[in-house]
Amino acid sequence: MQQNPERPARHRTHRATTASATQPEPRGGVLSLLPYFVVLAGVAIGLTVAFGGSQYAIRGIRVVGAALLAAALLRLTLPPRYAGPLSSRGKAFDVLAFLVLGGTILGFALTLP
């Protein structure tokens, strides 16, 4: 393709090719998985206790709700580098989702006889 000598050549650059966008944010490695596994273990323990029998169901549900509230606290306090899989969307959305889920489950557990 020949260029018209009267028109200067245009340089095509994209905003996504800037230096800050090409380098990903460093992750925390194995340490970033620790909060996720703490929450996952709390939910697993709560479900195991809840399935242990009807007399333990409320205790297990409370543990699950507390684990989800702990996830909200961890997501709120940890920087994105160390939040790992707990960060799926923006910080506000993640914290709000964990608070609503954990609070609702814990609320149900506290109102049951």
C-alpha atoms as a PDB file:
ATOM      1  CA  MET A   1       0.000   0.000   0.000  1.00  0.00           C
ATOM      2  CA  GLN A   2       1.453   3.329  -1.012  1.00  0.00           C
ATOM      3  CA  GLN A   3       1.244   6.429   1.103  1.00  0.00           C
ATOM      4  CA  ASN A   4       0.030   9.710  -0.219  1.00  0.00           C
ATOM      5  CA  PRO A   5       2.990  12.147   0.051  1.00  0.00           C
ATOM      6  CA  GLU A   6       0.636  14.969   1.020  1.00  0.00           C
ATOM      7  CA  ARG A   7      -0.789  13.082   4.040  1.00  0.00           C
ATOM      8  CA  PRO A   8       1.391  12.150   6.996  1.00  0.00           C
ATOM      9  CA  ALA A   9       1.342   8.556   8.137  1.00  0.00           C
ATOM     10  CA  ARG A  10      -0.806   7.786  11.197  1.00  0.00           C
ATOM     11  CA  HIS A  11       0.525   5.748  14.010  1.00  0.00           C
ATOM     12  CA  ARG A  12      -2.003   3.316  15.296  1.00  0.00           C
ATOM     13  CA  THR A  13      -1.705   2.763  18.993  1.00  0.00           C
ATOM     14  CA  HIS A  14      -4.162   1.245  21.357  1.00  0.00           C
ATOM     15  CA  ARG A  15      -4.696   2.290  24.918  1.00  0.00           C
ATOM     16  CA  ALA A  16      -4.394  -1.299  26.062  1.00  0.00           C
ATOM     17  CA  THR A  17      -0.772  -1.477  24.923  1.00  0.00           C
ATOM     18  CA  THR A  18       0.568   0.988  27.438  1.00  0.00           C
ATOM     19  CA  ALA A  19       3.289  -0.191  29.770  1.00  0.00           C
ATOM     20  CA  SER A  20       1.026  -0.280  32.841  1.00  0.00           C
ATOM     21  CA  ALA A  21      -1.605  -2.420  31.130  1.00  0.00           C
ATOM     22  CA  THR A  22       0.788  -4.987  29.712  1.00  0.00           C
ATOM     23  CA  GLN A  23       2.292  -5.935  33.050  1.00  0.00           C
ATOM     24  CA  PRO A  24      -0.083  -7.819  35.326  1.00  0.00           C
ATOM     25  CA  GLU A  25      -0.345  -6.980  38.991  1.00  0.00           C
ATOM     26  CA  PRO A  26       1.877  -9.291  41.024  1.00  0.00           C
ATOM     27  CA  ARG A  27       0.015 -11.935  42.988  1.00  0.00           C
ATOM     28  CA  GLY A  28       0.708 -13.124  46.500  1.00  0.00           C
ATOM     29  CA  GLY A  29       1.422 -16.688  45.388  1.00  0.00           C
ATOM     30  CA  VAL A  30       0.492 -19.428  47.837  1.00  0.00           C
ATOM     31  CA  LEU A  31      -0.128 -16.851  50.547  1.00  0.00           C
ATOM     32  CA  SER A  32      -3.048 -15.434  48.571  1.00  0.00           C
ATOM     33  CA  LEU A  33      -4.810 -18.816  48.747  1.00  0.00           C
ATOM     34  CA  LEU A  34      -4.722 -18.939  52.551  1.00  0.00           C
ATOM     35  CA  PRO A  35      -7.784 -16.690  53.204  1.00  0.00           C
ATOM     36  CA  TYR A  36      -9.800 -18.656  50.652  1.00  0.00           C
ATOM     37  CA  PHE A  37      -8.913 -21.973  52.254  1.00  0.00           C
ATOM     38  CA  VAL A  38      -9.719 -20.625  55.738  1.00  0.00           C
ATOM     39  CA  VAL A  39     -13.208 -19.651  54.573  1.00  0.00           C
ATOM     40  CA  LEU A  40     -13.620 -22.895  52.656  1.00  0.00           C
ATOM     41  CA  ALA A  41     -12.600 -24.917  55.714  1.00  0.00           C
ATOM     42  CA  GLY A  42     -15.064 -22.971  57.877  1.00  0.00           C
ATOM     43  CA  VAL A  43     -17.925 -23.673  55.478  1.00  0.00           C
ATOM     44  CA  ALA A  44     -16.924 -27.348  55.182  1.00  0.00           C
ATOM     45  CA  ILE A  45     -16.753 -27.745  58.972  1.00  0.00           C
ATOM     46  CA  GLY A  46     -20.112 -26.023  59.359  1.00  0.00           C
ATOM     47  CA  LEU A  47     -21.761 -28.261  56.780  1.00  0.00           C
ATOM     48  CA  THR A  48     -20.223 -31.359  58.364  1.00  0.00           C
ATOM     49  CA  VAL A  49     -21.565 -30.342  61.773  1.00  0.00           C
ATOM     50  CA  ALA A  50     -24.984 -29.492  60.291  1.00  0.00           C
ATOM     51  CA  PHE A  51     -25.286 -32.907  58.668  1.00  0.00           C
ATOM     52  CA  GLY A  52     -24.305 -34.600  61.919  1.00  0.00           C
ATOM     53  CA  GLY A  53     -27.889 -34.650  63.142  1.00  0.00           C
ATOM     54  CA  SER A  54     -30.821 -32.381  63.819  1.00  0.00           C
ATOM     55  CA  GLN A  55     -29.508 -31.396  67.244  1.00  0.00           C
ATOM     56  CA  TYR A  56     -26.336 -29.961  65.661  1.00  0.00           C
ATOM     57  CA  ALA A  57     -27.909 -28.376  62.570  1.00  0.00           C
ATOM     58  CA  ILE A  58     -28.219 -24.895  64.049  1.00  0.00           C
ATOM     59  CA  ARG A  59     -24.619 -24.938  65.249  1.00  0.00           C
ATOM     60  CA  GLY A  60     -23.409 -25.937  61.806  1.00  0.00           C
ATOM     61  CA  ILE A  61     -25.467 -23.229  60.120  1.00  0.00           C
ATOM     62  CA  ARG A  62     -24.018 -20.663  62.518  1.00  0.00           C
ATOM     63  CA  VAL A  63     -20.500 -21.773  61.611  1.00  0.00           C
ATOM     64  CA  VAL A  64     -21.277 -21.411  57.887  1.00  0.00           C
ATOM     65  CA  GLY A  65     -22.697 -17.906  58.431  1.00  0.00           C
ATOM     66  CA  ALA A  66     -19.711 -16.912  60.556  1.00  0.00           C
ATOM     67  CA  ALA A  67     -17.309 -18.220  57.897  1.00  0.00           C
ATOM     68  CA  LEU A  68     -19.007 -16.078  55.231  1.00  0.00           C
ATOM     69  CA  LEU A  69     -18.867 -13.020  57.495  1.00  0.00           C
ATOM     70  CA  ALA A  70     -15.175 -13.758  58.033  1.00  0.00           C
ATOM     71  CA  ALA A  71     -14.789 -13.843  54.243  1.00  0.00           C
ATOM     72  CA  ALA A  72     -16.314 -10.346  54.082  1.00  0.00           C
ATOM     73  CA  LEU A  73     -13.905  -9.116  56.739  1.00  0.00           C
ATOM     74  CA  LEU A  74     -10.916 -10.696  54.999  1.00  0.00           C
ATOM     75  CA  ARG A  75     -11.913  -9.249  51.629  1.00  0.00           C
ATOM     76  CA  LEU A  76     -12.367  -5.820  53.199  1.00  0.00           C
ATOM     77  CA  THR A  77      -9.033  -5.741  55.024  1.00  0.00           C
ATOM     78  CA  LEU A  78      -6.675  -7.598  52.674  1.00  0.00           C
ATOM     79  CA  PRO A  79      -5.144  -5.849  49.670  1.00  0.00           C
ATOM     80  CA  PRO A  80      -6.130  -7.311  46.271  1.00  0.00           C
ATOM     81  CA  ARG A  81      -2.737  -8.965  45.998  1.00  0.00           C
ATOM     82  CA  TYR A  82      -3.490 -11.213  48.981  1.00  0.00           C
ATOM     83  CA  ALA A  83      -7.262 -11.609  48.591  1.00  0.00           C
ATOM     84  CA  GLY A  84      -6.780 -14.343  46.004  1.00  0.00           C
ATOM     85  CA  PRO A  85      -9.942 -16.182  44.944  1.00  0.00           C
ATOM     86  CA  LEU A  86     -12.044 -14.161  47.409  1.00  0.00           C
ATOM     87  CA  SER A  87     -11.846 -11.288  44.945  1.00  0.00           C
ATOM     88  CA  SER A  88     -14.069 -11.971  41.995  1.00  0.00           C
ATOM     89  CA  ARG A  89     -15.484  -8.509  41.290  1.00  0.00           C
ATOM     90  CA  GLY A  90     -14.852  -5.140  42.840  1.00  0.00           C
ATOM     91  CA  LYS A  91     -14.092  -4.907  46.541  1.00  0.00           C
ATOM     92  CA  ALA A  92     -17.427  -3.263  47.416  1.00  0.00           C
ATOM     93  CA  PHE A  93     -19.432  -5.903  45.552  1.00  0.00           C
ATOM     94  CA  ASP A  94     -17.513  -8.802  47.100  1.00  0.00           C
ATOM     95  CA  VAL A  95     -17.820  -7.472  50.638  1.00  0.00           C
ATOM     96  CA  LEU A  96     -21.515  -6.715  50.187  1.00  0.00           C
ATOM     97  CA  ALA A  97     -22.200 -10.168  48.740  1.00  0.00           C
ATOM     98  CA  PHE A  98     -20.396 -11.939  51.587  1.00  0.00           C
ATOM     99  CA  LEU A  99     -22.152  -9.747  54.168  1.00  0.00           C
ATOM    100  CA  VAL A 100     -25.594 -10.410  52.708  1.00  0.00           C
ATOM    101  CA  LEU A 101     -25.042 -14.170  52.391  1.00  0.00           C
ATOM    102  CA  GLY A 102     -23.382 -14.583  55.779  1.00  0.00           C
ATOM    103  CA  GLY A 103     -25.829 -12.284  57.547  1.00  0.00           C
ATOM    104  CA  THR A 104     -28.848 -13.995  56.031  1.00  0.00           C
ATOM    105  CA  ILE A 105     -27.622 -17.477  56.921  1.00  0.00           C
ATOM    106  CA  LEU A 106     -26.653 -16.385  60.413  1.00  0.00           C
ATOM    107  CA  GLY A 107     -29.985 -14.590  60.829  1.00  0.00           C
ATOM    108  CA  PHE A 108     -31.876 -17.746  59.898  1.00  0.00           C
ATOM    109  CA  ALA A 109     -29.795 -19.788  62.316  1.00  0.00           C
ATOM    110  CA  LEU A 110     -30.446 -17.372  65.161  1.00  0.00           C
ATOM    111  CA  THR A 111     -34.225 -17.272  64.576  1.00  0.00           C
ATOM    112  CA  LEU A 112     -34.676 -21.043  64.412  1.00  0.00           C
ATOM    113  CA  PRO A 113     -35.862 -22.682  67.650  1.00  0.00           C
END
